Amino acid sequence: MLTALGHDDAQAHLWSAEVLRTINDAKTALHPQLASSLPRGEQRIIDNAGHGWLHEERQDAVLQAISDLLGRAA
């Protein structure tokens, strides 16, 4: 599971900095629980990309996660 904790322009227009911190705190708490509910599940924190554009801002992290998953499935 990739957890994007970086700045997200769209979210910043919708919510205050306090709300954004609360959202990130919730993601940081919830995502490891979700990941641990699956065999070999893991959480990867991505600090320098926002939720909406993770696939654009950190293509390397997304592709690495996909590659790792495929490698485990082989």
PDB file of N, CA and C in Angstrom:
ATOM      1  N   MET A   1       0.836  -1.156   0.000  1.00  0.00           N
ATOM      2  CA  MET A   1       0.000   0.000   0.000  1.00  0.00           C
ATOM      3  C   MET A   1       0.893   1.235   0.000  1.00  0.00           C
ATOM      4  N   LEU A   2       0.652   2.126  -0.931  1.00  0.00           N
ATOM      5  CA  LEU A   2       1.389   3.382  -0.978  1.00  0.00           C
ATOM      6  C   LEU A   2       0.578   4.444  -0.247  1.00  0.00           C
ATOM      7  N   THR A   3       1.202   5.092   0.705  1.00  0.00           N
ATOM      8  CA  THR A   3       0.556   6.135   1.484  1.00  0.00           C
ATOM      9  C   THR A   3       1.188   7.466   1.125  1.00  0.00           C
ATOM     10  N   ALA A   4       0.444   8.272   0.373  1.00  0.00           N
ATOM     11  CA  ALA A   4       0.937   9.578  -0.070  1.00  0.00           C
ATOM     12  C   ALA A   4       0.668  10.622   1.012  1.00  0.00           C
ATOM     13  N   LEU A   5       1.737  11.196   1.544  1.00  0.00           N
ATOM     14  CA  LEU A   5       1.599  12.180   2.623  1.00  0.00           C
ATOM     15  C   LEU A   5       2.078  13.572   2.224  1.00  0.00           C
ATOM     16  N   GLY A   6       2.460  13.753   0.968  1.00  0.00           N
ATOM     17  CA  GLY A   6       2.958  15.048   0.516  1.00  0.00           C
ATOM     18  C   GLY A   6       1.834  16.032   0.237  1.00  0.00           C
ATOM     19  N   HIS A   7       2.222  17.225  -0.143  1.00  0.00           N
ATOM     20  CA  HIS A   7       1.263  18.293  -0.440  1.00  0.00           C
ATOM     21  C   HIS A   7       0.425  17.920  -1.664  1.00  0.00           C
ATOM     22  N   ASP A   8      -0.863  18.137  -1.560  1.00  0.00           N
ATOM     23  CA  ASP A   8      -1.792  17.895  -2.656  1.00  0.00           C
ATOM     24  C   ASP A   8      -2.570  19.185  -2.892  1.00  0.00           C
ATOM     25  N   ASP A   9      -2.344  19.822  -4.040  1.00  0.00           N
ATOM     26  CA  ASP A   9      -2.975  21.118  -4.329  1.00  0.00           C
ATOM     27  C   ASP A   9      -4.493  21.064  -4.245  1.00  0.00           C
ATOM     28  N   ALA A  10      -5.094  20.020  -4.790  1.00  0.00           N
ATOM     29  CA  ALA A  10      -6.556  19.916  -4.789  1.00  0.00           C
ATOM     30  C   ALA A  10      -7.090  19.858  -3.359  1.00  0.00           C
ATOM     31  N   GLN A  11      -6.477  19.023  -2.523  1.00  0.00           N
ATOM     32  CA  GLN A  11      -6.922  18.929  -1.136  1.00  0.00           C
ATOM     33  C   GLN A  11      -6.663  20.225  -0.382  1.00  0.00           C
ATOM     34  N   ALA A  12      -5.554  20.887  -0.687  1.00  0.00           N
ATOM     35  CA  ALA A  12      -5.225  22.141  -0.007  1.00  0.00           C
ATOM     36  C   ALA A  12      -6.245  23.233  -0.303  1.00  0.00           C
ATOM     37  N   HIS A  13      -6.889  23.165  -1.472  1.00  0.00           N
ATOM     38  CA  HIS A  13      -7.933  24.137  -1.805  1.00  0.00           C
ATOM     39  C   HIS A  13      -9.240  23.832  -1.084  1.00  0.00           C
ATOM     40  N   LEU A  14      -9.400  22.586  -0.696  1.00  0.00           N
ATOM     41  CA  LEU A  14     -10.657  22.169  -0.062  1.00  0.00           C
ATOM     42  C   LEU A  14     -10.638  22.268   1.455  1.00  0.00           C
ATOM     43  N   TRP A  15      -9.472  21.980   2.066  1.00  0.00           N
ATOM     44  CA  TRP A  15      -9.426  21.854   3.515  1.00  0.00           C
ATOM     45  C   TRP A  15      -8.293  22.677   4.109  1.00  0.00           C
ATOM     46  N   SER A  16      -8.445  22.975   5.367  1.00  0.00           N
ATOM     47  CA  SER A  16      -7.422  23.734   6.094  1.00  0.00           C
ATOM     48  C   SER A  16      -6.206  22.842   6.366  1.00  0.00           C
ATOM     49  N   ALA A  17      -5.112  23.483   6.742  1.00  0.00           N
ATOM     50  CA  ALA A  17      -3.889  22.751   7.077  1.00  0.00           C
ATOM     51  C   ALA A  17      -4.143  21.786   8.234  1.00  0.00           C
ATOM     52  N   GLU A  18      -4.963  22.190   9.182  1.00  0.00           N
ATOM     53  CA  GLU A  18      -5.287  21.322  10.322  1.00  0.00           C
ATOM     54  C   GLU A  18      -6.035  20.068   9.861  1.00  0.00           C
ATOM     55  N   VAL A  19      -6.996  20.235   8.975  1.00  0.00           N
ATOM     56  CA  VAL A  19      -7.743  19.086   8.454  1.00  0.00           C
ATOM     57  C   VAL A  19      -6.814  18.175   7.654  1.00  0.00           C
ATOM     58  N   LEU A  20      -5.932  18.754   6.853  1.00  0.00           N
ATOM     59  CA  LEU A  20      -4.990  17.948   6.076  1.00  0.00           C
ATOM     60  C   LEU A  20      -4.065  17.138   6.985  1.00  0.00           C
ATOM     61  N   ARG A  21      -3.629  17.719   8.086  1.00  0.00           N
ATOM     62  CA  ARG A  21      -2.800  16.982   9.050  1.00  0.00           C
ATOM     63  C   ARG A  21      -3.592  15.823   9.648  1.00  0.00           C
ATOM     64  N   THR A  22      -4.862  16.078   9.960  1.00  0.00           N
ATOM     65  CA  THR A  22      -5.714  15.028  10.517  1.00  0.00           C
ATOM     66  C   THR A  22      -5.902  13.895   9.513  1.00  0.00           C
ATOM     67  N   ILE A  23      -6.088  14.236   8.244  1.00  0.00           N
ATOM     68  CA  ILE A  23      -6.226  13.221   7.192  1.00  0.00           C
ATOM     69  C   ILE A  23      -4.952  12.390   7.088  1.00  0.00           C
ATOM     70  N   ASN A  24      -3.797  13.050   7.058  1.00  0.00           N
ATOM     71  CA  ASN A  24      -2.529  12.324   6.958  1.00  0.00           C
ATOM     72  C   ASN A  24      -2.281  11.457   8.194  1.00  0.00           C
ATOM     73  N   ASP A  25      -2.651  11.967   9.369  1.00  0.00           N
ATOM     74  CA  ASP A  25      -2.514  11.158  10.582  1.00  0.00           C
ATOM     75  C   ASP A  25      -3.395   9.913  10.499  1.00  0.00           C
ATOM     76  N   ALA A  26      -4.595  10.081   9.972  1.00  0.00           N
ATOM     77  CA  ALA A  26      -5.511   8.942   9.838  1.00  0.00           C
ATOM     78  C   ALA A  26      -4.967   7.931   8.832  1.00  0.00           C
ATOM     79  N   LYS A  27      -4.429   8.415   7.709  1.00  0.00           N
ATOM     80  CA  LYS A  27      -3.852   7.501   6.715  1.00  0.00           C
ATOM     81  C   LYS A  27      -2.661   6.756   7.308  1.00  0.00           C
ATOM     82  N   THR A  28      -1.841   7.455   8.069  1.00  0.00           N
ATOM     83  CA  THR A  28      -0.666   6.850   8.677  1.00  0.00           C
ATOM     84  C   THR A  28      -1.062   5.768   9.681  1.00  0.00           C
ATOM     85  N   ALA A  29      -2.191   5.933  10.348  1.00  0.00           N
ATOM     86  CA  ALA A  29      -2.669   4.937  11.310  1.00  0.00           C
ATOM     87  C   ALA A  29      -3.430   3.799  10.636  1.00  0.00           C
ATOM     88  N   LEU A  30      -4.249   4.111   9.643  1.00  0.00           N
ATOM     89  CA  LEU A  30      -5.109   3.107   9.019  1.00  0.00           C
ATOM     90  C   LEU A  30      -4.382   2.214   8.022  1.00  0.00           C
ATOM     91  N   HIS A  31      -3.534   2.784   7.198  1.00  0.00           N
ATOM     92  CA  HIS A  31      -2.908   2.012   6.126  1.00  0.00           C
ATOM     93  C   HIS A  31      -2.064   0.830   6.612  1.00  0.00           C
ATOM     94  N   PRO A  32      -1.288   0.949   7.689  1.00  0.00           N
ATOM     95  CA  PRO A  32      -0.562  -0.247   8.129  1.00  0.00           C
ATOM     96  C   PRO A  32      -1.501  -1.341   8.635  1.00  0.00           C
ATOM     97  N   GLN A  33      -2.629  -0.942   9.194  1.00  0.00           N
ATOM     98  CA  GLN A  33      -3.607  -1.939   9.639  1.00  0.00           C
ATOM     99  C   GLN A  33      -4.191  -2.677   8.438  1.00  0.00           C
ATOM    100  N   LEU A  34      -4.508  -1.930   7.392  1.00  0.00           N
ATOM    101  CA  LEU A  34      -5.025  -2.563   6.182  1.00  0.00           C
ATOM    102  C   LEU A  34      -3.974  -3.474   5.554  1.00  0.00           C
ATOM    103  N   ALA A  35      -2.758  -2.998   5.460  1.00  0.00           N
ATOM    104  CA  ALA A  35      -1.684  -3.786   4.849  1.00  0.00           C
ATOM    105  C   ALA A  35      -1.434  -5.064   5.644  1.00  0.00           C
ATOM    106  N   SER A  36      -1.440  -4.976   6.956  1.00  0.00           N
ATOM    107  CA  SER A  36      -1.155  -6.150   7.777  1.00  0.00           C
ATOM    108  C   SER A  36      -2.291  -7.167   7.751  1.00  0.00           C
ATOM    109  N   SER A  37      -3.441  -6.782   7.222  1.00  0.00           N
ATOM    110  CA  SER A  37      -4.555  -7.721   7.130  1.00  0.00           C
ATOM    111  C   SER A  37      -4.413  -8.654   5.928  1.00  0.00           C
ATOM    112  N   LEU A  38      -3.391  -8.427   5.115  1.00  0.00           N
ATOM    113  CA  LEU A  38      -3.158  -9.237   3.922  1.00  0.00           C
ATOM    114  C   LEU A  38      -1.845  -9.996   4.030  1.00  0.00           C
ATOM    115  N   PRO A  39      -1.787 -11.180   3.444  1.00  0.00           N
ATOM    116  CA  PRO A  39      -0.507 -11.891   3.449  1.00  0.00           C
ATOM    117  C   PRO A  39       0.564 -11.056   2.730  1.00  0.00           C
ATOM    118  N   ARG A  40       1.675 -10.874   3.377  1.00  0.00           N
ATOM    119  CA  ARG A  40       2.804 -10.106   2.828  1.00  0.00           C
ATOM    120  C   ARG A  40       2.456  -8.654   2.491  1.00  0.00           C
ATOM    121  N   GLY A  41       1.390  -8.156   3.090  1.00  0.00           N
ATOM    122  CA  GLY A  41       1.020  -6.753   2.873  1.00  0.00           C
ATOM    123  C   GLY A  41       2.039  -5.825   3.502  1.00  0.00           C
ATOM    124  N   GLU A  42       2.233  -4.677   2.906  1.00  0.00           N
ATOM    125  CA  GLU A  42       3.154  -3.685   3.461  1.00  0.00           C
ATOM    126  C   GLU A  42       2.684  -2.290   3.104  1.00  0.00           C
ATOM    127  N   GLN A  43       3.106  -1.356   3.909  1.00  0.00           N
ATOM    128  CA  GLN A  43       2.825   0.055   3.674  1.00  0.00           C
ATOM    129  C   GLN A  43       4.129   0.731   3.275  1.00  0.00           C
ATOM    130  N   ARG A  44       4.041   1.560   2.253  1.00  0.00           N
ATOM    131  CA  ARG A  44       5.189   2.382   1.852  1.00  0.00           C
ATOM    132  C   ARG A  44       4.753   3.843   1.919  1.00  0.00           C
ATOM    133  N   ILE A  45       5.433   4.582   2.757  1.00  0.00           N
ATOM    134  CA  ILE A  45       5.131   6.008   2.937  1.00  0.00           C
ATOM    135  C   ILE A  45       5.829   6.789   1.832  1.00  0.00           C
ATOM    136  N   ILE A  46       5.072   7.627   1.147  1.00  0.00           N
ATOM    137  CA  ILE A  46       5.617   8.505   0.109  1.00  0.00           C
ATOM    138  C   ILE A  46       5.380   9.947   0.592  1.00  0.00           C
ATOM    139  N   ASP A  47       6.437  10.543   1.112  1.00  0.00           N
ATOM    140  CA  ASP A  47       6.322  11.867   1.723  1.00  0.00           C
ATOM    141  C   ASP A  47       6.249  13.014   0.717  1.00  0.00           C
ATOM    142  N   ASN A  48       6.762  12.796  -0.480  1.00  0.00           N
ATOM    143  CA  ASN A  48       6.889  13.922  -1.407  1.00  0.00           C
ATOM    144  C   ASN A  48       5.952  13.809  -2.612  1.00  0.00           C
ATOM    145  N   ALA A  49       4.752  13.295  -2.363  1.00  0.00           N
ATOM    146  CA  ALA A  49       3.727  13.244  -3.409  1.00  0.00           C
ATOM    147  C   ALA A  49       2.360  13.311  -2.742  1.00  0.00           C
ATOM    148  N   GLY A  50       1.446  13.976  -3.417  1.00  0.00           N
ATOM    149  CA  GLY A  50       0.092  14.073  -2.898  1.00  0.00           C
ATOM    150  C   GLY A  50      -0.763  12.902  -3.347  1.00  0.00           C
ATOM    151  N   HIS A  51      -1.890  12.722  -2.693  1.00  0.00           N
ATOM    152  CA  HIS A  51      -2.785  11.606  -2.954  1.00  0.00           C
ATOM    153  C   HIS A  51      -3.268  11.582  -4.407  1.00  0.00           C
ATOM    154  N   GLY A  52      -3.695  12.701  -4.909  1.00  0.00           N
ATOM    155  CA  GLY A  52      -4.298  12.752  -6.236  1.00  0.00           C
ATOM    156  C   GLY A  52      -3.331  12.565  -7.388  1.00  0.00           C
ATOM    157  N   TRP A  53      -2.061  12.867  -7.167  1.00  0.00           N
ATOM    158  CA  TRP A  53      -1.089  12.826  -8.261  1.00  0.00           C
ATOM    159  C   TRP A  53       0.103  11.946  -7.957  1.00  0.00           C
ATOM    160  N   LEU A  54      -0.076  11.003  -7.050  1.00  0.00           N
ATOM    161  CA  LEU A  54       1.010  10.091  -6.689  1.00  0.00           C
ATOM    162  C   LEU A  54       1.606   9.425  -7.917  1.00  0.00           C
ATOM    163  N   HIS A  55       0.761   8.980  -8.821  1.00  0.00           N
ATOM    164  CA  HIS A  55       1.221   8.274 -10.026  1.00  0.00           C
ATOM    165  C   HIS A  55       1.998   9.182 -10.973  1.00  0.00           C
ATOM    166  N   GLU A  56       1.814  10.490 -10.871  1.00  0.00           N
ATOM    167  CA  GLU A  56       2.545  11.450 -11.706  1.00  0.00           C
ATOM    168  C   GLU A  56       3.801  11.967 -10.988  1.00  0.00           C
ATOM    169  N   GLU A  57       3.655  12.283  -9.713  1.00  0.00           N
ATOM    170  CA  GLU A  57       4.745  12.889  -8.963  1.00  0.00           C
ATOM    171  C   GLU A  57       5.813  11.876  -8.545  1.00  0.00           C
ATOM    172  N   ARG A  58       5.418  10.631  -8.345  1.00  0.00           N
ATOM    173  CA  ARG A  58       6.372   9.591  -7.929  1.00  0.00           C
ATOM    174  C   ARG A  58       6.160   8.321  -8.740  1.00  0.00           C
ATOM    175  N   GLN A  59       6.309   8.476 -10.046  1.00  0.00           N
ATOM    176  CA  GLN A  59       6.178   7.318 -10.938  1.00  0.00           C
ATOM    177  C   GLN A  59       7.131   6.207 -10.528  1.00  0.00           C
ATOM    178  N   ASP A  60       8.316   6.574 -10.073  1.00  0.00           N
ATOM    179  CA  ASP A  60       9.302   5.576  -9.674  1.00  0.00           C
ATOM    180  C   ASP A  60       8.799   4.706  -8.532  1.00  0.00           C
ATOM    181  N   ALA A  61       8.156   5.313  -7.552  1.00  0.00           N
ATOM    182  CA  ALA A  61       7.657   4.549  -6.403  1.00  0.00           C
ATOM    183  C   ALA A  61       6.501   3.633  -6.805  1.00  0.00           C
ATOM    184  N   VAL A  62       5.635   4.118  -7.678  1.00  0.00           N
ATOM    185  CA  VAL A  62       4.509   3.308  -8.150  1.00  0.00           C
ATOM    186  C   VAL A  62       5.021   2.124  -8.964  1.00  0.00           C
ATOM    187  N   LEU A  63       5.922   2.390  -9.891  1.00  0.00           N
ATOM    188  CA  LEU A  63       6.469   1.315 -10.717  1.00  0.00           C
ATOM    189  C   LEU A  63       7.271   0.313  -9.882  1.00  0.00           C
ATOM    190  N   GLN A  64       7.999   0.788  -8.878  1.00  0.00           N
ATOM    191  CA  GLN A  64       8.746  -0.122  -8.008  1.00  0.00           C
ATOM    192  C   GLN A  64       7.796  -1.022  -7.228  1.00  0.00           C
ATOM    193  N   ALA A  65       6.704  -0.458  -6.732  1.00  0.00           N
ATOM    194  CA  ALA A  65       5.726  -1.260  -5.987  1.00  0.00           C
ATOM    195  C   ALA A  65       5.096  -2.323  -6.889  1.00  0.00           C
ATOM    196  N   ILE A  66       4.770  -1.962  -8.111  1.00  0.00           N
ATOM    197  CA  ILE A  66       4.201  -2.923  -9.060  1.00  0.00           C
ATOM    198  C   ILE A  66       5.223  -4.006  -9.379  1.00  0.00           C
ATOM    199  N   SER A  67       6.459  -3.603  -9.626  1.00  0.00           N
ATOM    200  CA  SER A  67       7.519  -4.563  -9.928  1.00  0.00           C
ATOM    201  C   SER A  67       7.736  -5.529  -8.755  1.00  0.00           C
ATOM    202  N   ASP A  68       7.756  -5.006  -7.550  1.00  0.00           N
ATOM    203  CA  ASP A  68       7.937  -5.848  -6.362  1.00  0.00           C
ATOM    204  C   ASP A  68       6.790  -6.839  -6.220  1.00  0.00           C
ATOM    205  N   LEU A  69       5.575  -6.376  -6.455  1.00  0.00           N
ATOM    206  CA  LEU A  69       4.398  -7.239  -6.366  1.00  0.00           C
ATOM    207  C   LEU A  69       4.456  -8.362  -7.416  1.00  0.00           C
ATOM    208  N   LEU A  70       4.786  -8.001  -8.629  1.00  0.00           N
ATOM    209  CA  LEU A  70       4.895  -9.008  -9.692  1.00  0.00           C
ATOM    210  C   LEU A  70       6.019  -9.993  -9.402  1.00  0.00           C
ATOM    211  N   GLY A  71       7.116  -9.494  -8.848  1.00  0.00           N
ATOM    212  CA  GLY A  71       8.234 -10.364  -8.499  1.00  0.00           C
ATOM    213  C   GLY A  71       7.856 -11.387  -7.441  1.00  0.00           C
ATOM    214  N   ARG A  72       7.030 -10.973  -6.485  1.00  0.00           N
ATOM    215  CA  ARG A  72       6.579 -11.902  -5.450  1.00  0.00           C
ATOM    216  C   ARG A  72       5.589 -12.919  -5.998  1.00  0.00           C
ATOM    217  N   ALA A  73       4.838 -12.533  -7.012  1.00  0.00           N
ATOM    218  CA  ALA A  73       3.822 -13.423  -7.580  1.00  0.00           C
ATOM    219  C   ALA A  73       4.438 -14.476  -8.496  1.00  0.00           C
ATOM    220  N   ALA A  74       5.635 -14.191  -8.996  1.00  0.00           N
ATOM    221  CA  ALA A  74       6.267 -15.121  -9.955  1.00  0.00           C
ATOM    222  C   ALA A  74       6.778 -16.379  -9.286  1.00  0.00           C
TER     223      ALA A  74
END
